[in-house]
């Protein structure tokens, strides 16, 4: 990325698919200057892959509604509610599904 012109001394926002290798490389290269976000589409796919087929459309709509909020508090509350609903209905699912859905 530096060869492409990114300055390692300036802050950047990196939107990634959730891969651990790219996250590690970004943190190592842009020490203290990188803010990493998860791509919503990749997050959506990951969550819906762990939900029964019959519930995917409903959960997908709830995620979309939370992510469309312009107010971070309301969006975070909607995502957290969806996470709690998923956790209650499907307690065996991998915990990684909640990453990015819980309020921080």
PDB file of N, CA and C in Angstrom:
ATOM      1  N   UNK A   1       0.818  -1.184   0.000  1.00  0.00           N
ATOM      2  CA  UNK A   1       0.000   0.000   0.000  1.00  0.00           C
ATOM      3  C   UNK A   1       0.866   1.254   0.000  1.00  0.00           C
ATOM      4  N   UNK A   2       1.993   1.158   0.652  1.00  0.00           N
ATOM      5  CA  UNK A   2       2.897   2.308   0.652  1.00  0.00           C
ATOM      6  C   UNK A   2       3.427   2.549  -0.759  1.00  0.00           C
ATOM      7  N   UNK A   3       3.696   1.458  -1.477  1.00  0.00           N
ATOM      8  CA  UNK A   3       4.159   1.603  -2.866  1.00  0.00           C
ATOM      9  C   UNK A   3       3.109   2.268  -3.745  1.00  0.00           C
ATOM     10  N   UNK A   4       1.855   2.189  -3.351  1.00  0.00           N
ATOM     11  CA  UNK A   4       0.769   2.808  -4.109  1.00  0.00           C
ATOM     12  C   UNK A   4       0.563   4.257  -3.717  1.00  0.00           C
ATOM     13  N   UNK A   5       1.339   4.737  -2.755  1.00  0.00           N
ATOM     14  CA  UNK A   5       1.264   6.142  -2.402  1.00  0.00           C
ATOM     15  C   UNK A   5       0.677   6.467  -1.043  1.00  0.00           C
ATOM     16  N   UNK A   6       0.272   5.463  -0.273  1.00  0.00           N
ATOM     17  CA  UNK A   6      -0.240   5.759   1.060  1.00  0.00           C
ATOM     18  C   UNK A   6       0.910   6.140   1.978  1.00  0.00           C
ATOM     19  N   UNK A   7       0.729   7.193   2.710  1.00  0.00           N
ATOM     20  CA  UNK A   7       1.756   7.695   3.620  1.00  0.00           C
ATOM     21  C   UNK A   7       1.576   7.030   4.985  1.00  0.00           C
ATOM     22  N   UNK A   8       2.565   6.260   5.467  1.00  0.00           N
ATOM     23  CA  UNK A   8       2.421   5.569   6.757  1.00  0.00           C
ATOM     24  C   UNK A   8       2.449   6.517   7.951  1.00  0.00           C
ATOM     25  N   UNK A   9       2.650   7.797   7.716  1.00  0.00           N
ATOM     26  CA  UNK A   9       2.678   8.787   8.793  1.00  0.00           C
ATOM     27  C   UNK A   9       1.384   9.594   8.875  1.00  0.00           C
ATOM     28  N   UNK A  10       0.386   9.209   8.072  1.00  0.00           N
ATOM     29  CA  UNK A  10      -0.903   9.914   8.088  1.00  0.00           C
ATOM     30  C   UNK A  10      -2.006   8.939   8.477  1.00  0.00           C
ATOM     31  N   UNK A  11      -3.021   9.418   9.181  1.00  0.00           N
ATOM     32  CA  UNK A  11      -4.125   8.532   9.571  1.00  0.00           C
ATOM     33  C   UNK A  11      -4.869   8.001   8.345  1.00  0.00           C
ATOM     34  N   UNK A  12      -5.299   6.734   8.430  1.00  0.00           N
ATOM     35  CA  UNK A  12      -6.119   6.157   7.367  1.00  0.00           C
ATOM     36  C   UNK A  12      -7.249   5.345   7.984  1.00  0.00           C
ATOM     37  N   UNK A  13      -8.313   5.212   7.227  1.00  0.00           N
ATOM     38  CA  UNK A  13      -9.415   4.327   7.577  1.00  0.00           C
ATOM     39  C   UNK A  13      -9.347   3.167   6.595  1.00  0.00           C
ATOM     40  N   UNK A  14      -9.244   1.971   7.118  1.00  0.00           N
ATOM     41  CA  UNK A  14      -9.199   0.777   6.279  1.00  0.00           C
ATOM     42  C   UNK A  14     -10.469  -0.034   6.517  1.00  0.00           C
ATOM     43  N   UNK A  15     -11.226  -0.272   5.467  1.00  0.00           N
ATOM     44  CA  UNK A  15     -12.424  -1.099   5.549  1.00  0.00           C
ATOM     45  C   UNK A  15     -12.065  -2.451   4.957  1.00  0.00           C
ATOM     46  N   UNK A  16     -12.100  -3.482   5.797  1.00  0.00           N
ATOM     47  CA  UNK A  16     -11.630  -4.802   5.375  1.00  0.00           C
ATOM     48  C   UNK A  16     -12.728  -5.850   5.491  1.00  0.00           C
ATOM     49  N   UNK A  17     -12.457  -7.029   4.937  1.00  0.00           N
ATOM     50  CA  UNK A  17     -13.428  -8.118   4.953  1.00  0.00           C
ATOM     51  C   UNK A  17     -13.424  -8.903   6.264  1.00  0.00           C
ATOM     52  N   UNK A  18     -12.572  -8.560   7.181  1.00  0.00           N
ATOM     53  CA  UNK A  18     -12.533  -9.255   8.464  1.00  0.00           C
ATOM     54  C   UNK A  18     -11.373 -10.218   8.595  1.00  0.00           C
ATOM     55  N   UNK A  19     -10.554 -10.336   7.552  1.00  0.00           N
ATOM     56  CA  UNK A  19      -9.415 -11.239   7.603  1.00  0.00           C
ATOM     57  C   UNK A  19      -8.378 -10.799   8.630  1.00  0.00           C
ATOM     58  N   UNK A  20      -7.887 -11.756   9.390  1.00  0.00           N
ATOM     59  CA  UNK A  20      -6.920 -11.447  10.443  1.00  0.00           C
ATOM     60  C   UNK A  20      -5.563 -11.037   9.875  1.00  0.00           C
ATOM     61  N   UNK A  21      -5.164 -11.608   8.754  1.00  0.00           N
ATOM     62  CA  UNK A  21      -3.852 -11.296   8.174  1.00  0.00           C
ATOM     63  C   UNK A  21      -3.787  -9.836   7.710  1.00  0.00           C
ATOM     64  N   UNK A  22      -4.822  -9.368   7.030  1.00  0.00           N
ATOM     65  CA  UNK A  22      -4.807  -7.979   6.552  1.00  0.00           C
ATOM     66  C   UNK A  22      -4.874  -7.017   7.729  1.00  0.00           C
ATOM     67  N   UNK A  23      -5.641  -7.381   8.769  1.00  0.00           N
ATOM     68  CA  UNK A  23      -5.716  -6.543   9.977  1.00  0.00           C
ATOM     69  C   UNK A  23      -4.328  -6.422  10.615  1.00  0.00           C
ATOM     70  N   UNK A  24      -3.628  -7.540  10.752  1.00  0.00           N
ATOM     71  CA  UNK A  24      -2.284  -7.529  11.343  1.00  0.00           C
ATOM     72  C   UNK A  24      -1.306  -6.721  10.499  1.00  0.00           C
ATOM     73  N   UNK A  25      -1.379  -6.892   9.184  1.00  0.00           N
ATOM     74  CA  UNK A  25      -0.479  -6.158   8.294  1.00  0.00           C
ATOM     75  C   UNK A  25      -0.720  -4.656   8.380  1.00  0.00           C
ATOM     76  N   UNK A  26      -1.975  -4.254   8.438  1.00  0.00           N
ATOM     77  CA  UNK A  26      -2.295  -2.830   8.545  1.00  0.00           C
ATOM     78  C   UNK A  26      -1.783  -2.248   9.858  1.00  0.00           C
ATOM     79  N   UNK A  27      -2.007  -2.982  10.951  1.00  0.00           N
ATOM     80  CA  UNK A  27      -1.552  -2.494  12.255  1.00  0.00           C
ATOM     81  C   UNK A  27      -0.030  -2.401  12.314  1.00  0.00           C
ATOM     82  N   UNK A  28       0.649  -3.354  11.692  1.00  0.00           N
ATOM     83  CA  UNK A  28       2.118  -3.350  11.700  1.00  0.00           C
ATOM     84  C   UNK A  28       2.682  -2.244  10.810  1.00  0.00           C
ATOM     85  N   UNK A  29       2.028  -1.965   9.699  1.00  0.00           N
ATOM     86  CA  UNK A  29       2.518  -0.979   8.742  1.00  0.00           C
ATOM     87  C   UNK A  29       2.176   0.449   9.149  1.00  0.00           C
ATOM     88  N   UNK A  30       0.969   0.651   9.596  1.00  0.00           N
ATOM     89  CA  UNK A  30       0.490   1.988   9.933  1.00  0.00           C
ATOM     90  C   UNK A  30       0.335   2.122  11.448  1.00  0.00           C
ATOM     91  N   UNK A  31       1.388   1.857  12.178  1.00  0.00           N
ATOM     92  CA  UNK A  31       1.377   1.837  13.641  1.00  0.00           C
ATOM     93  C   UNK A  31       0.800   3.147  14.190  1.00  0.00           C
ATOM     94  N   UNK A  32      -0.301   3.021  14.900  1.00  0.00           N
ATOM     95  CA  UNK A  32      -0.926   4.175  15.516  1.00  0.00           C
ATOM     96  C   UNK A  32      -1.697   5.080  14.581  1.00  0.00           C
ATOM     97  N   UNK A  33      -1.690   4.797  13.290  1.00  0.00           N
ATOM     98  CA  UNK A  33      -2.326   5.686  12.315  1.00  0.00           C
ATOM     99  C   UNK A  33      -3.499   5.047  11.584  1.00  0.00           C
ATOM    100  N   UNK A  34      -3.856   3.820  11.925  1.00  0.00           N
ATOM    101  CA  UNK A  34      -4.904   3.145  11.168  1.00  0.00           C
ATOM    102  C   UNK A  34      -6.129   2.878  12.045  1.00  0.00           C
ATOM    103  N   UNK A  35      -7.291   3.181  11.495  1.00  0.00           N
ATOM    104  CA  UNK A  35      -8.559   2.830  12.092  1.00  0.00           C
ATOM    105  C   UNK A  35      -9.159   1.766  11.185  1.00  0.00           C
ATOM    106  N   UNK A  36      -9.464   0.611  11.743  1.00  0.00           N
ATOM    107  CA  UNK A  36      -9.935  -0.509  10.931  1.00  0.00           C
ATOM    108  C   UNK A  36     -11.430  -0.726  11.167  1.00  0.00           C
ATOM    109  N   UNK A  37     -12.173  -0.823  10.076  1.00  0.00           N
ATOM    110  CA  UNK A  37     -13.614  -1.082  10.132  1.00  0.00           C
ATOM    111  C   UNK A  37     -13.908  -2.343   9.325  1.00  0.00           C
ATOM    112  N   UNK A  38     -14.968  -3.016   9.692  1.00  0.00           N
ATOM    113  CA  UNK A  38     -15.385  -4.224   8.997  1.00  0.00           C
ATOM    114  C   UNK A  38     -16.391  -3.864   7.917  1.00  0.00           C
ATOM    115  N   UNK A  39     -16.214  -4.394   6.741  1.00  0.00           N
ATOM    116  CA  UNK A  39     -17.148  -4.189   5.638  1.00  0.00           C
ATOM    117  C   UNK A  39     -18.520  -4.741   6.032  1.00  0.00           C
ATOM    118  N   UNK A  40     -19.548  -3.927   5.895  1.00  0.00           N
ATOM    119  CA  UNK A  40     -20.889  -4.360   6.295  1.00  0.00           C
ATOM    120  C   UNK A  40     -21.373  -5.575   5.511  1.00  0.00           C
ATOM    121  N   UNK A  41     -21.091  -5.602   4.237  1.00  0.00           N
ATOM    122  CA  UNK A  41     -21.576  -6.721   3.417  1.00  0.00           C
ATOM    123  C   UNK A  41     -20.949  -8.037   3.868  1.00  0.00           C
ATOM    124  N   UNK A  42     -19.656  -8.005   4.169  1.00  0.00           N
ATOM    125  CA  UNK A  42     -19.006  -9.222   4.659  1.00  0.00           C
ATOM    126  C   UNK A  42     -19.553  -9.605   6.032  1.00  0.00           C
ATOM    127  N   UNK A  43     -19.797  -8.626   6.887  1.00  0.00           N
ATOM    128  CA  UNK A  43     -20.362  -8.892   8.207  1.00  0.00           C
ATOM    129  C   UNK A  43     -21.750  -9.489   8.069  1.00  0.00           C
ATOM    130  N   UNK A  44     -22.553  -8.907   7.183  1.00  0.00           N
ATOM    131  CA  UNK A  44     -23.921  -9.387   6.958  1.00  0.00           C
ATOM    132  C   UNK A  44     -23.915 -10.845   6.505  1.00  0.00           C
ATOM    133  N   UNK A  45     -23.074 -11.151   5.531  1.00  0.00           N
ATOM    134  CA  UNK A  45     -22.975 -12.536   5.041  1.00  0.00           C
ATOM    135  C   UNK A  45     -22.561 -13.488   6.145  1.00  0.00           C
ATOM    136  N   UNK A  46     -21.571 -13.068   6.939  1.00  0.00           N
ATOM    137  CA  UNK A  46     -21.077 -13.918   8.019  1.00  0.00           C
ATOM    138  C   UNK A  46     -22.180 -14.220   9.019  1.00  0.00           C
ATOM    139  N   UNK A  47     -22.920 -13.201   9.417  1.00  0.00           N
ATOM    140  CA  UNK A  47     -24.000 -13.402  10.390  1.00  0.00           C
ATOM    141  C   UNK A  47     -25.083 -14.287   9.795  1.00  0.00           C
ATOM    142  N   UNK A  48     -25.538 -13.968   8.586  1.00  0.00           N
ATOM    143  CA  UNK A  48     -26.644 -14.718   7.989  1.00  0.00           C
ATOM    144  C   UNK A  48     -26.275 -16.164   7.687  1.00  0.00           C
ATOM    145  N   UNK A  49     -25.009 -16.456   7.472  1.00  0.00           N
ATOM    146  CA  UNK A  49     -24.584 -17.838   7.257  1.00  0.00           C
ATOM    147  C   UNK A  49     -24.793 -18.702   8.496  1.00  0.00           C
ATOM    148  N   UNK A  50     -24.918 -18.064   9.671  1.00  0.00           N
ATOM    149  CA  UNK A  50     -25.091 -18.804  10.923  1.00  0.00           C
ATOM    150  C   UNK A  50     -26.534 -18.794  11.421  1.00  0.00           C
ATOM    151  N   UNK A  51     -27.434 -18.261  10.603  1.00  0.00           N
ATOM    152  CA  UNK A  51     -28.848 -18.166  10.971  1.00  0.00           C
ATOM    153  C   UNK A  51     -29.627 -19.153  10.104  1.00  0.00           C
ATOM    154  N   UNK A  52     -30.627 -19.826  10.679  1.00  0.00           N
ATOM    155  CA  UNK A  52     -31.448 -20.730   9.853  1.00  0.00           C
ATOM    156  C   UNK A  52     -32.029 -19.993   8.643  1.00  0.00           C
ATOM    157  N   UNK A  53     -32.119 -20.704   7.538  1.00  0.00           N
ATOM    158  CA  UNK A  53     -32.578 -20.120   6.275  1.00  0.00           C
ATOM    159  C   UNK A  53     -33.911 -19.390   6.446  1.00  0.00           C
ATOM    160  N   UNK A  54     -34.815 -19.953   7.219  1.00  0.00           N
ATOM    161  CA  UNK A  54     -36.136 -19.355   7.399  1.00  0.00           C
ATOM    162  C   UNK A  54     -36.075 -17.985   8.073  1.00  0.00           C
ATOM    163  N   UNK A  55     -35.009 -17.691   8.812  1.00  0.00           N
ATOM    164  CA  UNK A  55     -34.900 -16.426   9.543  1.00  0.00           C
ATOM    165  C   UNK A  55     -33.993 -15.405   8.860  1.00  0.00           C
ATOM    166  N   UNK A  56     -33.341 -15.775   7.783  1.00  0.00           N
ATOM    167  CA  UNK A  56     -32.344 -14.902   7.158  1.00  0.00           C
ATOM    168  C   UNK A  56     -32.917 -13.585   6.650  1.00  0.00           C
ATOM    169  N   UNK A  57     -34.053 -13.605   6.000  1.00  0.00           N
ATOM    170  CA  UNK A  57     -34.630 -12.367   5.475  1.00  0.00           C
ATOM    171  C   UNK A  57     -34.975 -11.411   6.619  1.00  0.00           C
ATOM    172  N   UNK A  58     -35.584 -11.948   7.672  1.00  0.00           N
ATOM    173  CA  UNK A  58     -35.972 -11.126   8.825  1.00  0.00           C
ATOM    174  C   UNK A  58     -34.744 -10.517   9.498  1.00  0.00           C
ATOM    175  N   UNK A  59     -33.738 -11.322   9.786  1.00  0.00           N
ATOM    176  CA  UNK A  59     -32.521 -10.831  10.443  1.00  0.00           C
ATOM    177  C   UNK A  59     -31.784  -9.865   9.516  1.00  0.00           C
ATOM    178  N   UNK A  60     -31.748 -10.160   8.231  1.00  0.00           N
ATOM    179  CA  UNK A  60     -31.112  -9.268   7.262  1.00  0.00           C
ATOM    180  C   UNK A  60     -31.748  -7.889   7.262  1.00  0.00           C
ATOM    181  N   UNK A  61     -33.087  -7.851   7.330  1.00  0.00           N
ATOM    182  CA  UNK A  61     -33.794  -6.563   7.383  1.00  0.00           C
ATOM    183  C   UNK A  61     -33.469  -5.813   8.667  1.00  0.00           C
ATOM    184  N   UNK A  62     -33.360  -6.537   9.780  1.00  0.00           N
ATOM    185  CA  UNK A  62     -33.032  -5.890  11.060  1.00  0.00           C
ATOM    186  C   UNK A  62     -31.620  -5.302  11.011  1.00  0.00           C
ATOM    187  N   UNK A  63     -30.687  -6.034  10.431  1.00  0.00           N
ATOM    188  CA  UNK A  63     -29.323  -5.514  10.302  1.00  0.00           C
ATOM    189  C   UNK A  63     -29.309  -4.274   9.414  1.00  0.00           C
ATOM    190  N   UNK A  64     -29.985  -4.358   8.287  1.00  0.00           N
ATOM    191  CA  UNK A  64     -30.034  -3.218   7.363  1.00  0.00           C
ATOM    192  C   UNK A  64     -30.636  -1.988   8.037  1.00  0.00           C
ATOM    193  N   UNK A  65     -31.696  -2.183   8.797  1.00  0.00           N
ATOM    194  CA  UNK A  65     -32.347  -1.067   9.488  1.00  0.00           C
ATOM    195  C   UNK A  65     -31.389  -0.435  10.503  1.00  0.00           C
ATOM    196  N   UNK A  66     -30.675  -1.260  11.256  1.00  0.00           N
ATOM    197  CA  UNK A  66     -29.729  -0.729  12.240  1.00  0.00           C
ATOM    198  C   UNK A  66     -28.610   0.036  11.546  1.00  0.00           C
ATOM    199  N   UNK A  67     -28.093  -0.491  10.462  1.00  0.00           N
ATOM    200  CA  UNK A  67     -26.968   0.138   9.776  1.00  0.00           C
ATOM    201  C   UNK A  67     -27.372   1.388   8.999  1.00  0.00           C
ATOM    202  N   UNK A  68     -28.651   1.549   8.693  1.00  0.00           N
ATOM    203  CA  UNK A  68     -29.103   2.746   7.974  1.00  0.00           C
ATOM    204  C   UNK A  68     -29.318   3.935   8.899  1.00  0.00           C
ATOM    205  N   UNK A  69     -29.301   3.704  10.199  1.00  0.00           N
ATOM    206  CA  UNK A  69     -29.492   4.791  11.155  1.00  0.00           C
ATOM    207  C   UNK A  69     -28.383   5.819  10.993  1.00  0.00           C
ATOM    208  N   UNK A  70     -28.747   7.081  11.012  1.00  0.00           N
ATOM    209  CA  UNK A  70     -27.740   8.140  10.941  1.00  0.00           C
ATOM    210  C   UNK A  70     -27.241   8.512  12.336  1.00  0.00           C
ATOM    211  N   UNK A  71     -27.978   8.106  13.346  1.00  0.00           N
ATOM    212  CA  UNK A  71     -27.599   8.361  14.731  1.00  0.00           C
ATOM    213  C   UNK A  71     -26.897   7.108  15.272  1.00  0.00           C
ATOM    214  N   UNK A  72     -25.660   7.256  15.698  1.00  0.00           N
ATOM    215  CA  UNK A  72     -24.871   6.111  16.162  1.00  0.00           C
ATOM    216  C   UNK A  72     -25.509   5.416  17.358  1.00  0.00           C
ATOM    217  N   UNK A  73     -26.142   6.169  18.239  1.00  0.00           N
ATOM    218  CA  UNK A  73     -26.767   5.562  19.417  1.00  0.00           C
ATOM    219  C   UNK A  73     -27.915   4.641  18.996  1.00  0.00           C
ATOM    220  N   UNK A  74     -28.786   5.128  18.118  1.00  0.00           N
ATOM    221  CA  UNK A  74     -29.909   4.306  17.657  1.00  0.00           C
ATOM    222  C   UNK A  74     -29.434   3.127  16.814  1.00  0.00           C
ATOM    223  N   UNK A  75     -28.472   3.352  15.961  1.00  0.00           N
ATOM    224  CA  UNK A  75     -27.930   2.260  15.156  1.00  0.00           C
ATOM    225  C   UNK A  75     -27.285   1.200  16.024  1.00  0.00           C
ATOM    226  N   UNK A  76     -26.500   1.643  17.002  1.00  0.00           N
ATOM    227  CA  UNK A  76     -25.849   0.700  17.920  1.00  0.00           C
ATOM    228  C   UNK A  76     -26.856  -0.075  18.738  1.00  0.00           C
ATOM    229  N   UNK A  77     -27.920   0.600  19.173  1.00  0.00           N
ATOM    230  CA  UNK A  77     -28.957  -0.072  19.950  1.00  0.00           C
ATOM    231  C   UNK A  77     -29.669  -1.125  19.097  1.00  0.00           C
ATOM    232  N   UNK A  78     -29.935  -0.790  17.839  1.00  0.00           N
ATOM    233  CA  UNK A  78     -30.580  -1.754  16.946  1.00  0.00           C
ATOM    234  C   UNK A  78     -29.707  -2.965  16.681  1.00  0.00           C
ATOM    235  N   UNK A  79     -28.418  -2.730  16.468  1.00  0.00           N
ATOM    236  CA  UNK A  79     -27.496  -3.839  16.232  1.00  0.00           C
ATOM    237  C   UNK A  79     -27.344  -4.688  17.491  1.00  0.00           C
ATOM    238  N   UNK A  80     -27.270  -4.027  18.648  1.00  0.00           N
ATOM    239  CA  UNK A  80     -27.141  -4.761  19.909  1.00  0.00           C
ATOM    240  C   UNK A  80     -28.389  -5.607  20.170  1.00  0.00           C
ATOM    241  N   UNK A  81     -29.559  -5.063  19.849  1.00  0.00           N
ATOM    242  CA  UNK A  81     -30.797  -5.824  20.009  1.00  0.00           C
ATOM    243  C   UNK A  81     -30.826  -7.046  19.108  1.00  0.00           C
ATOM    244  N   UNK A  82     -30.362  -6.885  17.884  1.00  0.00           N
ATOM    245  CA  UNK A  82     -30.291  -8.020  16.958  1.00  0.00           C
ATOM    246  C   UNK A  82     -29.317  -9.062  17.484  1.00  0.00           C
ATOM    247  N   UNK A  83     -28.184  -8.606  18.016  1.00  0.00           N
ATOM    248  CA  UNK A  83     -27.209  -9.534  18.582  1.00  0.00           C
ATOM    249  C   UNK A  83     -27.809 -10.315  19.742  1.00  0.00           C
ATOM    250  N   UNK A  84     -28.513  -9.632  20.643  1.00  0.00           N
ATOM    251  CA  UNK A  84     -29.133 -10.313  21.780  1.00  0.00           C
ATOM    252  C   UNK A  84     -30.182 -11.313  21.318  1.00  0.00           C
ATOM    253  N   UNK A  85     -30.951 -10.939  20.311  1.00  0.00           N
ATOM    254  CA  UNK A  85     -31.970 -11.840  19.776  1.00  0.00           C
ATOM    255  C   UNK A  85     -31.313 -13.097  19.189  1.00  0.00           C
ATOM    256  N   UNK A  86     -30.245 -12.909  18.433  1.00  0.00           N
ATOM    257  CA  UNK A  86     -29.540 -14.051  17.853  1.00  0.00           C
ATOM    258  C   UNK A  86     -28.943 -14.936  18.938  1.00  0.00           C
ATOM    259  N   UNK A  87     -28.360 -14.314  19.947  1.00  0.00           N
ATOM    260  CA  UNK A  87     -27.730 -15.071  21.018  1.00  0.00           C
ATOM    261  C   UNK A  87     -28.770 -15.889  21.785  1.00  0.00           C
ATOM    262  N   UNK A  88     -29.938 -15.330  22.028  1.00  0.00           N
ATOM    263  CA  UNK A  88     -30.986 -16.041  22.749  1.00  0.00           C
ATOM    264  C   UNK A  88     -31.553 -17.197  21.920  1.00  0.00           C
ATOM    265  N   UNK A  89     -31.733 -16.965  20.626  1.00  0.00           N
ATOM    266  CA  UNK A  89     -32.342 -17.976  19.759  1.00  0.00           C
ATOM    267  C   UNK A  89     -31.362 -19.057  19.323  1.00  0.00           C
ATOM    268  N   UNK A  90     -30.078 -18.712  19.229  1.00  0.00           N
ATOM    269  CA  UNK A  90     -29.079 -19.636  18.701  1.00  0.00           C
ATOM    270  C   UNK A  90     -27.809 -19.583  19.550  1.00  0.00           C
ATOM    271  N   UNK A  91     -27.875 -20.051  20.810  1.00  0.00           N
ATOM    272  CA  UNK A  91     -26.725 -19.912  21.717  1.00  0.00           C
ATOM    273  C   UNK A  91     -25.494 -20.708  21.315  1.00  0.00           C
ATOM    274  N   UNK A  92     -25.603 -21.644  20.401  1.00  0.00           N
ATOM    275  CA  UNK A  92     -24.465 -22.472  20.025  1.00  0.00           C
ATOM    276  C   UNK A  92     -23.632 -21.845  18.918  1.00  0.00           C
ATOM    277  N   UNK A  93     -24.156 -20.835  18.262  1.00  0.00           N
ATOM    278  CA  UNK A  93     -23.458 -20.221  17.134  1.00  0.00           C
ATOM    279  C   UNK A  93     -22.103 -19.671  17.564  1.00  0.00           C
ATOM    280  N   UNK A  94     -21.161 -19.555  16.650  1.00  0.00           N
ATOM    281  CA  UNK A  94     -19.834 -19.039  16.995  1.00  0.00           C
ATOM    282  C   UNK A  94     -19.917 -17.614  17.535  1.00  0.00           C
ATOM    283  N   UNK A  95     -19.150 -17.308  18.591  1.00  0.00           N
ATOM    284  CA  UNK A  95     -19.208 -15.972  19.163  1.00  0.00           C
ATOM    285  C   UNK A  95     -18.785 -14.874  18.200  1.00  0.00           C
ATOM    286  N   UNK A  96     -18.007 -15.193  17.181  1.00  0.00           N
ATOM    287  CA  UNK A  96     -17.535 -14.181  16.217  1.00  0.00           C
ATOM    288  C   UNK A  96     -18.701 -13.521  15.490  1.00  0.00           C
ATOM    289  N   UNK A  97     -19.862 -14.167  15.451  1.00  0.00           N
ATOM    290  CA  UNK A  97     -21.010 -13.557  14.778  1.00  0.00           C
ATOM    291  C   UNK A  97     -21.407 -12.254  15.439  1.00  0.00           C
ATOM    292  N   UNK A  98     -21.148 -12.117  16.726  1.00  0.00           N
ATOM    293  CA  UNK A  98     -21.521 -10.900  17.433  1.00  0.00           C
ATOM    294  C   UNK A  98     -20.569  -9.761  17.236  1.00  0.00           C
ATOM    295  N   UNK A  99     -19.371 -10.021  16.769  1.00  0.00           N
ATOM    296  CA  UNK A  99     -18.395  -8.941  16.573  1.00  0.00           C
ATOM    297  C   UNK A  99     -18.963  -7.910  15.621  1.00  0.00           C
ATOM    298  N   UNK A 100     -18.995  -6.691  16.070  1.00  0.00           N
ATOM    299  CA  UNK A 100     -19.521  -5.618  15.235  1.00  0.00           C
ATOM    300  C   UNK A 100     -21.011  -5.411  15.418  1.00  0.00           C
ATOM    301  N   UNK A 101     -21.667  -6.267  16.177  1.00  0.00           N
ATOM    302  CA  UNK A 101     -23.094  -6.093  16.440  1.00  0.00           C
ATOM    303  C   UNK A 101     -23.328  -5.608  17.862  1.00  0.00           C
ATOM    304  N   UNK A 102     -22.424  -5.932  18.759  1.00  0.00           N
ATOM    305  CA  UNK A 102     -22.574  -5.493  20.145  1.00  0.00           C
ATOM    306  C   UNK A 102     -22.253  -4.019  20.257  1.00  0.00           C
ATOM    307  N   UNK A 103     -22.872  -3.372  21.224  1.00  0.00           N
ATOM    308  CA  UNK A 103     -22.546  -1.966  21.486  1.00  0.00           C
ATOM    309  C   UNK A 103     -21.200  -1.919  22.187  1.00  0.00           C
ATOM    310  N   UNK A 104     -20.433  -0.915  21.856  1.00  0.00           N
ATOM    311  CA  UNK A 104     -19.114  -0.760  22.484  1.00  0.00           C
ATOM    312  C   UNK A 104     -19.088   0.467  23.325  1.00  0.00           C
TER     313      UNK A 104
END
